Each structure stands twice: as structure tokens, then as C-alpha cells.
Amino acid sequence: MLNLSNLNLVVSTMELTIVLIVTAAVFLVFIVIAIIKMYKLKAENKRLLESDAFKTDVDESYKDFTESHLYDNK
């Protein structure tokens, strides 16, 4: 029968806890970075939508044809 206490593969509770805390900290850093980038992109999108590039200009070449002589507007 195998004696598990003699094997080097046995991990103590303290080592497992440390590994889990480090892993959780790394993922927490990734989540915080993702949230910061999301807010920056949201602000950039809002700024771009409010800029003149997305505002529609009225086409000045269009003329209202209903004011012509064919409709007898007096």
C-alpha cells in the first residue's frame, strides 16, 4: 500500500491556500483592468458621438418643390 506522507506530491493546506490566493489576485487584477478599459471606451464612444463627425448636416442642395408654380401656392 502507498504511504502518502512519504510522497512529495502531497500539498499542505497552507500551500494550497497561498496558490489559490495568488490565482484569485491575478484574476482580480485582470477584472479591474477590464473594467477600467470598459469605462475608457465608453467615455471615448460618448465623446465621438457628440463630436461633429456624427452630426447630420442638412443638405442645402435640396429645394422644396411644393412651392413651385404647379401647386398654385399664393
C-alpha atoms as a PDB file:
ATOM      1  CA  MET A   1       0.000   0.000   0.000  1.00  0.00           C
ATOM      2  CA  LEU A   2       1.170   3.544  -0.768  1.00  0.00           C
ATOM      3  CA  ASN A   3       2.079   5.749   2.107  1.00  0.00           C
ATOM      4  CA  LEU A   4       1.026   9.284   1.023  1.00  0.00           C
ATOM      5  CA  SER A   5       3.006  11.014   3.740  1.00  0.00           C
ATOM      6  CA  ASN A   6       6.275   9.882   2.135  1.00  0.00           C
ATOM      7  CA  LEU A   7       5.419  11.216  -1.344  1.00  0.00           C
ATOM      8  CA  ASN A   8       6.465  14.695  -2.445  1.00  0.00           C
ATOM      9  CA  LEU A   9       3.117  15.191  -4.229  1.00  0.00           C
ATOM     10  CA  VAL A  10       1.240  15.868  -1.028  1.00  0.00           C
ATOM     11  CA  VAL A  11       0.292  19.544  -0.786  1.00  0.00           C
ATOM     12  CA  SER A  12      -0.326  21.131   2.561  1.00  0.00           C
ATOM     13  CA  THR A  13      -3.360  23.238   3.258  1.00  0.00           C
ATOM     14  CA  MET A  14      -1.199  26.333   3.645  1.00  0.00           C
ATOM     15  CA  GLU A  15       0.441  25.864   0.223  1.00  0.00           C
ATOM     16  CA  LEU A  16      -2.920  25.298  -1.436  1.00  0.00           C
ATOM     17  CA  THR A  17      -4.332  28.403   0.207  1.00  0.00           C
ATOM     18  CA  ILE A  18      -1.399  30.513  -0.972  1.00  0.00           C
ATOM     19  CA  VAL A  19      -1.757  29.234  -4.559  1.00  0.00           C
ATOM     20  CA  LEU A  20      -5.480  29.970  -4.556  1.00  0.00           C
ATOM     21  CA  ILE A  21      -4.966  33.468  -3.140  1.00  0.00           C
ATOM     22  CA  VAL A  22      -2.326  34.277  -5.760  1.00  0.00           C
ATOM     23  CA  THR A  23      -4.567  32.944  -8.538  1.00  0.00           C
ATOM     24  CA  ALA A  24      -7.527  34.964  -7.273  1.00  0.00           C
ATOM     25  CA  ALA A  25      -5.360  38.094  -7.059  1.00  0.00           C
ATOM     26  CA  VAL A  26      -4.197  37.693 -10.669  1.00  0.00           C
ATOM     27  CA  PHE A  27      -7.777  37.302 -11.901  1.00  0.00           C
ATOM     28  CA  LEU A  28      -8.859  40.267  -9.773  1.00  0.00           C
ATOM     29  CA  VAL A  29      -6.192  42.403 -11.457  1.00  0.00           C
ATOM     30  CA  PHE A  30      -7.463  41.290 -14.885  1.00  0.00           C
ATOM     31  CA  ILE A  31     -11.046  42.137 -13.931  1.00  0.00           C
ATOM     32  CA  VAL A  32     -10.054  45.593 -12.674  1.00  0.00           C
ATOM     33  CA  ILE A  33      -8.103  46.291 -15.882  1.00  0.00           C
ATOM     34  CA  ALA A  34     -11.104  45.185 -17.971  1.00  0.00           C
ATOM     35  CA  ILE A  35     -13.463  47.450 -16.017  1.00  0.00           C
ATOM     36  CA  ILE A  36     -11.136  50.442 -16.405  1.00  0.00           C
ATOM     37  CA  LYS A  37     -10.837  49.826 -20.159  1.00  0.00           C
ATOM     38  CA  MET A  38     -14.612  49.487 -20.436  1.00  0.00           C
ATOM     39  CA  TYR A  39     -15.161  52.891 -18.825  1.00  0.00           C
ATOM     40  CA  LYS A  40     -12.471  54.487 -21.022  1.00  0.00           C
ATOM     41  CA  LEU A  41     -14.060  53.041 -24.160  1.00  0.00           C
ATOM     42  CA  LYS A  42     -17.489  54.181 -23.017  1.00  0.00           C
ATOM     43  CA  ALA A  43     -16.196  57.726 -22.486  1.00  0.00           C
ATOM     44  CA  GLU A  44     -14.442  57.702 -25.867  1.00  0.00           C
ATOM     45  CA  ASN A  45     -17.597  56.466 -27.572  1.00  0.00           C
ATOM     46  CA  LYS A  46     -19.647  59.222 -25.926  1.00  0.00           C
ATOM     47  CA  ARG A  47     -17.093  61.828 -26.956  1.00  0.00           C
ATOM     48  CA  LEU A  48     -17.090  60.600 -30.558  1.00  0.00           C
ATOM     49  CA  LEU A  49     -20.869  60.542 -30.761  1.00  0.00           C
ATOM     50  CA  GLU A  50     -21.047  64.127 -29.519  1.00  0.00           C
ATOM     51  CA  SER A  51     -18.449  65.355 -31.984  1.00  0.00           C
ATOM     52  CA  ASP A  52     -19.321  66.971 -35.300  1.00  0.00           C
ATOM     53  CA  ALA A  53     -18.351  63.888 -37.290  1.00  0.00           C
ATOM     54  CA  PHE A  54     -21.613  62.093 -36.471  1.00  0.00           C
ATOM     55  CA  LYS A  55     -23.960  65.053 -36.653  1.00  0.00           C
ATOM     56  CA  THR A  56     -26.026  65.063 -39.783  1.00  0.00           C
ATOM     57  CA  ASP A  57     -25.813  68.156 -41.905  1.00  0.00           C
ATOM     58  CA  VAL A  58     -28.842  69.402 -43.740  1.00  0.00           C
ATOM     59  CA  ASP A  59     -28.404  69.028 -47.458  1.00  0.00           C
ATOM     60  CA  GLU A  60     -28.590  72.576 -48.784  1.00  0.00           C
ATOM     61  CA  SER A  61     -28.935  71.430 -52.383  1.00  0.00           C
ATOM     62  CA  TYR A  62     -32.445  70.149 -51.712  1.00  0.00           C
ATOM     63  CA  LYS A  63     -35.213  72.604 -52.518  1.00  0.00           C
ATOM     64  CA  ASP A  64     -38.808  72.262 -51.539  1.00  0.00           C
ATOM     65  CA  PHE A  65     -40.549  71.612 -54.843  1.00  0.00           C
ATOM     66  CA  THR A  66     -44.036  72.115 -53.397  1.00  0.00           C
ATOM     67  CA  GLU A  67     -43.523  75.883 -53.592  1.00  0.00           C
ATOM     68  CA  SER A  68     -43.372  75.851 -57.369  1.00  0.00           C
ATOM     69  CA  HIS A  69     -45.953  77.241 -59.755  1.00  0.00           C
ATOM     70  CA  LEU A  70     -47.524  73.802 -60.346  1.00  0.00           C
ATOM     71  CA  TYR A  71     -49.280  73.852 -56.979  1.00  0.00           C
ATOM     72  CA  ASP A  72     -50.648  77.392 -57.102  1.00  0.00           C
ATOM     73  CA  ASN A  73     -49.404  78.394 -53.654  1.00  0.00           C
ATOM     74  CA  LYS A  74     -50.270  82.049 -53.154  1.00  0.00           C
END
